[in-house]
C-alpha cells in the first residue's frame, strides 16, 4: 500500500505535469490549484519537510507556473 507522503508527492507531480501539458489557461490554472492542494497536504504531513519535498517544490505551485509561463514566451 502507498504511504500518504508518497501519494501526495506523486499526485502533486502528476498535476504539475498535467498543468504543463494543458491547452487552455483555465485548465492549467485548475491543475495548478490541485497541485497546490496536494503540496499543502504533503507539507502538513511532514512540517519539517527536510527530505519530503524537492528543492523546486518548496515554492508555491503558482510561483512555479509563472516561471514556466515566462520561459515559454
Protein backbone atom coordinates (compact mmCIF):
# COMPACT_ATOMS: atom_id res chain seq x y z
CA UNK A 1 0.00 0.00 0.00
CA UNK A 2 1.23 3.50 -0.87
CA UNK A 3 2.07 5.84 2.02
CA UNK A 4 0.31 9.20 2.34
CA UNK A 5 3.55 11.07 1.73
CA UNK A 6 4.27 9.13 -1.44
CA UNK A 7 0.68 9.53 -2.65
CA UNK A 8 0.62 13.32 -2.17
CA UNK A 9 4.06 13.69 -3.75
CA UNK A 10 3.00 11.59 -6.75
CA UNK A 11 -0.31 13.42 -7.21
CA UNK A 12 1.34 16.85 -6.97
CA UNK A 13 3.87 15.77 -9.57
CA UNK A 14 1.13 14.44 -11.86
CA UNK A 15 -0.88 17.65 -11.57
CA UNK A 16 2.17 19.82 -12.29
CA UNK A 17 2.90 17.72 -15.38
CA UNK A 18 -0.74 17.97 -16.49
CA UNK A 19 -0.64 21.75 -15.99
CA UNK A 20 2.42 21.86 -18.19
CA UNK A 21 0.53 20.00 -20.94
CA UNK A 22 -2.73 21.95 -20.55
CA UNK A 23 -4.08 23.59 -23.69
CA UNK A 24 -6.24 26.31 -22.13
CA UNK A 25 -5.37 28.77 -19.40
CA UNK A 26 -8.34 27.68 -17.29
CA UNK A 27 -7.31 24.02 -17.44
CA UNK A 28 -3.76 24.98 -16.49
CA UNK A 29 -4.98 27.09 -13.57
CA UNK A 30 -7.25 24.28 -12.34
CA UNK A 31 -4.33 21.81 -12.42
CA UNK A 32 -2.08 24.26 -10.58
CA UNK A 33 -4.69 24.69 -7.86
CA UNK A 34 -4.89 20.92 -7.43
CA UNK A 35 -1.08 20.67 -7.34
CA UNK A 36 -1.05 23.33 -4.62
CA UNK A 37 -3.61 21.39 -2.59
CA UNK A 38 -1.51 18.21 -2.77
CA UNK A 39 1.69 20.12 -1.88
CA UNK A 40 -0.06 21.69 1.12
CA UNK A 41 -1.24 18.26 2.31
CA UNK A 42 2.27 16.93 1.84
CA UNK A 43 3.71 19.76 3.94
CA UNK A 44 1.10 19.12 6.64
CA UNK A 45 2.24 15.51 6.95
CA UNK A 46 5.87 16.50 7.43
CA UNK A 47 6.16 20.11 8.66
CA UNK A 48 9.96 19.85 8.81
CA UNK A 49 9.88 18.78 5.18
CA UNK A 50 13.58 18.01 5.11
CA UNK A 51 13.50 15.10 2.69
CA UNK A 52 9.90 15.13 1.55
CA UNK A 53 9.87 17.95 -0.99
CA UNK A 54 12.39 18.51 -3.73
CA UNK A 55 14.06 21.92 -3.80
CA UNK A 56 11.88 23.08 -6.70
CA UNK A 57 8.72 22.14 -4.84
CA UNK A 58 9.47 24.38 -1.87
CA UNK A 59 7.91 27.28 -3.76
CA UNK A 60 4.17 27.62 -4.26
CA UNK A 61 2.82 25.92 -7.36
CA UNK A 62 1.64 29.27 -8.74
CA UNK A 63 5.15 30.71 -8.49
CA UNK A 64 6.40 27.73 -10.46
CA UNK A 65 3.67 28.21 -13.05
CA UNK A 66 4.55 31.86 -13.52
CA UNK A 67 8.19 30.96 -14.11
CA UNK A 68 7.16 28.42 -16.75
CA UNK A 69 4.96 30.97 -18.48
CA UNK A 70 7.87 33.36 -18.76
CA UNK A 71 10.13 30.64 -20.13
CA UNK A 72 7.59 29.67 -22.81
CA UNK A 73 7.17 33.25 -24.05
